[in-house]
Amino acid sequence: MGTAPAVLTEEPDAVGLLRLKVTFQGARHAVWALWQLGTDREALSPEWLRASLRDRAAALATR
């Protein structure tokens, strides 16, 4: 994930998906970086980040 300043942890979950804990430069950077990854990635936490990405996708879908 070249858009994160640091990957803190990296481990597969029970179904083999890779879970990462990463740091970002700030909230805007986190939203931007995850948005760039497309629809095959998911932010699991924090909730404000999930909500921001969900709201952004909903706004795009209504256009």
Protein backbone atom coordinates (compact mmCIF):
# COMPACT_ATOMS: atom_id res chain seq x y z
CA MET A 1 0.00 0.00 0.00
CA GLY A 2 2.23 2.79 -1.25
CA THR A 3 -0.09 5.58 -0.04
CA ALA A 4 0.38 4.90 3.69
CA PRO A 5 3.37 6.41 5.49
CA ALA A 6 3.70 3.32 7.71
CA VAL A 7 2.24 -0.18 7.84
CA LEU A 8 2.11 -1.05 11.55
CA THR A 9 0.78 -4.61 11.27
CA GLU A 10 0.04 -7.00 8.44
CA GLU A 11 -1.73 -10.33 9.01
CA PRO A 12 -4.16 -12.62 7.18
CA ASP A 13 -7.63 -13.05 8.67
CA ALA A 14 -9.60 -16.32 8.99
CA VAL A 15 -10.58 -16.35 5.30
CA GLY A 16 -7.15 -15.36 4.02
CA LEU A 17 -7.76 -11.67 3.45
CA LEU A 18 -4.86 -9.45 4.45
CA ARG A 19 -5.58 -7.03 7.30
CA LEU A 20 -3.32 -4.02 7.63
CA LYS A 21 -3.06 -1.42 10.37
CA VAL A 22 -1.61 1.70 8.79
CA THR A 23 -0.91 5.32 9.59
CA PHE A 24 -1.72 8.32 7.42
CA GLN A 25 -0.71 11.97 7.45
CA GLY A 26 -4.19 12.96 8.64
CA ALA A 27 -7.89 12.41 8.08
CA ARG A 28 -7.97 13.92 4.57
CA HIS A 29 -5.00 11.82 3.53
CA ALA A 30 -6.62 8.64 4.89
CA VAL A 31 -9.82 9.24 2.92
CA TRP A 32 -7.90 10.12 -0.25
CA ALA A 33 -5.54 7.13 0.01
CA LEU A 34 -8.26 4.56 0.63
CA TRP A 35 -10.47 6.04 -2.10
CA GLN A 36 -7.60 5.49 -4.55
CA LEU A 37 -7.64 1.75 -3.81
CA GLY A 38 -11.08 1.27 -5.34
CA THR A 39 -13.85 -1.09 -4.35
CA ASP A 40 -11.83 -4.19 -3.56
CA ARG A 41 -10.61 -2.76 -0.23
CA GLU A 42 -12.49 -1.98 2.98
CA ALA A 43 -11.73 0.29 5.92
CA LEU A 44 -12.71 -1.58 9.07
CA SER A 45 -12.07 1.28 11.46
CA PRO A 46 -12.26 3.97 12.66
CA GLU A 47 -15.97 4.54 12.13
CA TRP A 48 -15.50 8.17 10.98
CA LEU A 49 -13.35 6.89 8.10
CA ARG A 50 -15.89 4.23 7.13
CA ALA A 51 -18.66 6.86 7.21
CA SER A 52 -16.64 9.31 5.14
CA LEU A 53 -15.94 6.73 2.43
CA ARG A 54 -19.57 5.55 2.47
CA ASP A 55 -20.86 9.13 2.16
CA ARG A 56 -18.45 9.85 -0.69
CA ALA A 57 -19.57 6.74 -2.57
CA ALA A 58 -23.24 7.58 -2.02
CA ALA A 59 -22.73 11.11 -3.32
CA LEU A 60 -21.01 9.77 -6.41
CA ALA A 61 -23.77 7.22 -7.00
CA THR A 62 -26.49 9.90 -6.88
CA ARG A 63 -24.80 12.00 -9.57
